[in-house]
């Protein structure tokens, strides 16, 4: 899969999520980086669809974390925007679910990388023309092999 993507529509962003879901293995950690409106939740919706999650994937802003079962792998969707630091991350007990699930964390840069030996960082930005620019940044040899 190529590392850089220009995605003109929300549907394109979701479709990239579907494609990424095909690469996922139990224990994968995905850290989404980008400003409000960049497409983090849309990408995660596509990941859920690609994993076969049947329930709607929505932003976990107010509940902080949601677990979606019923797909090829469980999807743990976290919004770390309101977390104050490592102690708040520890309180979520993500280390309990990370080994068997795909864990996708919005706003998690600098907070959750220690949950896994390697992770995929997805940098999203929304340009002035509303096109989303996405860069997949692998951290670790397993992700470097999958992203190429």
Protein backbone atom coordinates (compact mmCIF):
# COMPACT_ATOMS: atom_id res chain seq x y z
CA UNK A 1 0.00 0.00 0.00
CA UNK A 2 1.34 3.44 -0.81
CA UNK A 3 2.10 5.82 2.05
CA UNK A 4 0.58 9.09 0.73
CA UNK A 5 -3.04 9.59 -0.28
CA UNK A 6 -5.14 12.53 -1.47
CA UNK A 7 -8.78 11.85 -0.63
CA UNK A 8 -11.30 14.29 -2.19
CA UNK A 9 -14.39 13.00 -0.33
CA UNK A 10 -15.38 11.57 3.02
CA UNK A 11 -16.27 8.35 1.17
CA UNK A 12 -12.68 8.18 -0.14
CA UNK A 13 -11.42 8.55 3.42
CA UNK A 14 -13.69 5.72 4.58
CA UNK A 15 -12.53 3.57 1.65
CA UNK A 16 -8.90 4.02 2.72
CA UNK A 17 -10.00 2.75 6.14
CA UNK A 18 -11.53 -0.33 4.50
CA UNK A 19 -8.24 -0.97 2.68
CA UNK A 20 -6.20 -0.52 5.85
CA UNK A 21 -8.46 -2.97 7.71
CA UNK A 22 -7.29 -5.68 5.31
CA UNK A 23 -3.76 -5.23 6.64
CA UNK A 24 -4.62 -5.44 10.33
CA UNK A 25 -3.59 -8.21 12.68
CA UNK A 26 -4.45 -8.76 16.35
CA UNK A 27 -2.48 -6.34 18.50
CA UNK A 28 -2.19 -3.58 15.93
CA UNK A 29 -2.11 -0.03 17.24
CA UNK A 30 -3.06 2.86 14.97
CA UNK A 31 -2.48 6.45 16.10
CA UNK A 32 -4.47 9.08 14.20
CA UNK A 33 -2.95 12.55 14.09
CA UNK A 34 -4.67 15.62 12.69
CA UNK A 35 -6.80 18.65 13.50
CA UNK A 36 -10.56 18.70 13.97
CA UNK A 37 -12.35 17.86 10.74
CA UNK A 38 -9.38 16.11 9.17
CA UNK A 39 -11.21 12.79 8.81
CA UNK A 40 -10.06 10.72 11.80
CA UNK A 41 -13.51 9.37 12.61
CA UNK A 42 -14.37 8.85 8.93
CA UNK A 43 -11.21 6.77 8.52
CA UNK A 44 -12.12 4.75 11.61
CA UNK A 45 -15.65 4.19 10.25
CA UNK A 46 -14.04 2.67 7.17
CA UNK A 47 -11.75 0.54 9.33
CA UNK A 48 -14.82 -0.75 11.16
CA UNK A 49 -16.54 -1.55 7.87
CA UNK A 50 -13.43 -3.31 6.59
CA UNK A 51 -13.25 -5.40 9.76
CA UNK A 52 -16.92 -6.33 9.42
CA UNK A 53 -18.16 -4.40 12.46
CA UNK A 54 -21.95 -4.33 12.25
CA UNK A 55 -22.75 -1.45 14.59
CA UNK A 56 -22.16 2.20 13.66
CA UNK A 57 -18.68 3.54 14.39
CA UNK A 58 -19.03 7.06 15.77
CA UNK A 59 -16.71 9.40 17.58
CA UNK A 60 -16.08 8.28 21.17
CA UNK A 61 -15.46 11.87 22.28
CA UNK A 62 -17.78 11.77 25.27
CA UNK A 63 -17.25 8.13 26.30
CA UNK A 64 -13.52 8.21 25.46
CA UNK A 65 -13.40 4.57 24.31
CA UNK A 66 -15.73 2.15 22.53
CA UNK A 67 -15.23 -1.53 21.78
CA UNK A 68 -16.83 -2.85 18.59
CA UNK A 69 -17.09 -6.65 18.47
CA UNK A 70 -18.55 -8.89 15.81
CA UNK A 71 -16.02 -8.30 13.06
CA UNK A 72 -12.92 -10.18 11.94
CA UNK A 73 -11.12 -8.53 14.86
CA UNK A 74 -12.46 -6.42 17.72
CA UNK A 75 -12.04 -2.69 17.12
CA UNK A 76 -11.19 -0.50 20.10
CA UNK A 77 -11.80 3.14 19.15
CA UNK A 78 -10.38 5.73 21.53
CA UNK A 79 -10.59 9.52 21.56
CA UNK A 80 -7.69 10.78 23.69
CA UNK A 81 -8.47 14.47 23.14
CA UNK A 82 -9.62 15.07 26.72
CA UNK A 83 -7.03 12.85 28.38
CA UNK A 84 -4.57 14.76 30.53
CA UNK A 85 -1.63 12.40 30.32
CA UNK A 86 -0.29 8.91 30.83
CA UNK A 87 -2.24 8.35 34.07
CA UNK A 88 -5.52 8.88 32.19
CA UNK A 89 -4.41 6.44 29.47
CA UNK A 90 -3.51 3.88 32.15
CA UNK A 91 -6.99 4.28 33.69
CA UNK A 92 -8.54 3.11 30.39
CA UNK A 93 -6.80 -0.31 30.74
CA UNK A 94 -6.12 -0.42 27.00
CA UNK A 95 -3.24 -2.80 27.64
CA UNK A 96 -5.86 -5.44 28.51
CA UNK A 97 -7.48 -5.36 25.04
CA UNK A 98 -4.64 -4.29 22.76
CA UNK A 99 -3.16 -7.80 22.21
CA UNK A 100 -6.36 -9.24 20.71
CA UNK A 101 -7.80 -6.16 19.00
CA UNK A 102 -7.10 -3.40 16.56
CA UNK A 103 -6.79 -0.27 18.68
CA UNK A 104 -7.35 3.04 16.87
CA UNK A 105 -6.60 6.16 18.90
CA UNK A 106 -7.58 9.66 17.82
CA UNK A 107 -5.45 12.42 19.38
CA UNK A 108 -3.12 9.79 20.86
CA UNK A 109 0.25 11.00 19.64
CA UNK A 110 2.71 11.04 22.52
CA UNK A 111 0.31 9.17 24.81
CA UNK A 112 -0.29 5.62 23.59
CA UNK A 113 2.69 4.50 21.54
CA UNK A 114 4.04 2.45 24.46
CA UNK A 115 1.00 0.13 24.27
CA UNK A 116 2.60 -1.83 21.41
CA UNK A 117 6.10 -2.60 20.19
CA UNK A 118 5.24 -1.00 16.86
CA UNK A 119 2.40 1.06 15.49
CA UNK A 120 1.03 2.82 12.45
CA UNK A 121 0.77 6.59 12.62
CA UNK A 122 -1.77 8.08 10.25
CA UNK A 123 -1.35 11.82 9.69
CA UNK A 124 -4.44 13.50 8.29
CA UNK A 125 -4.97 17.07 7.24
CA UNK A 126 -7.80 18.83 5.48
CA UNK A 127 -6.54 21.22 2.86
CA UNK A 128 -8.23 24.49 1.87
CA UNK A 129 -9.89 22.70 -1.09
CA UNK A 130 -11.44 20.16 1.39
CA UNK A 131 -9.25 17.36 0.06
CA UNK A 132 -7.84 15.24 2.86
CA UNK A 133 -4.13 14.54 2.62
CA UNK A 134 -3.16 11.36 4.44
CA UNK A 135 0.31 10.05 5.18
CA UNK A 136 0.85 6.57 6.60
CA UNK A 137 3.96 6.50 8.80
CA UNK A 138 5.05 3.01 9.88
CA UNK A 139 6.85 2.61 13.20
CA UNK A 140 8.55 -0.77 13.40
CA UNK A 141 9.58 -3.44 10.88
CA UNK A 142 6.16 -5.14 10.73
CA UNK A 143 4.47 -1.93 9.65
CA UNK A 144 7.32 -0.98 7.32
CA UNK A 145 6.80 -4.31 5.55
CA UNK A 146 3.03 -3.84 5.25
CA UNK A 147 3.12 -0.20 4.12
CA UNK A 148 6.20 -0.57 1.95
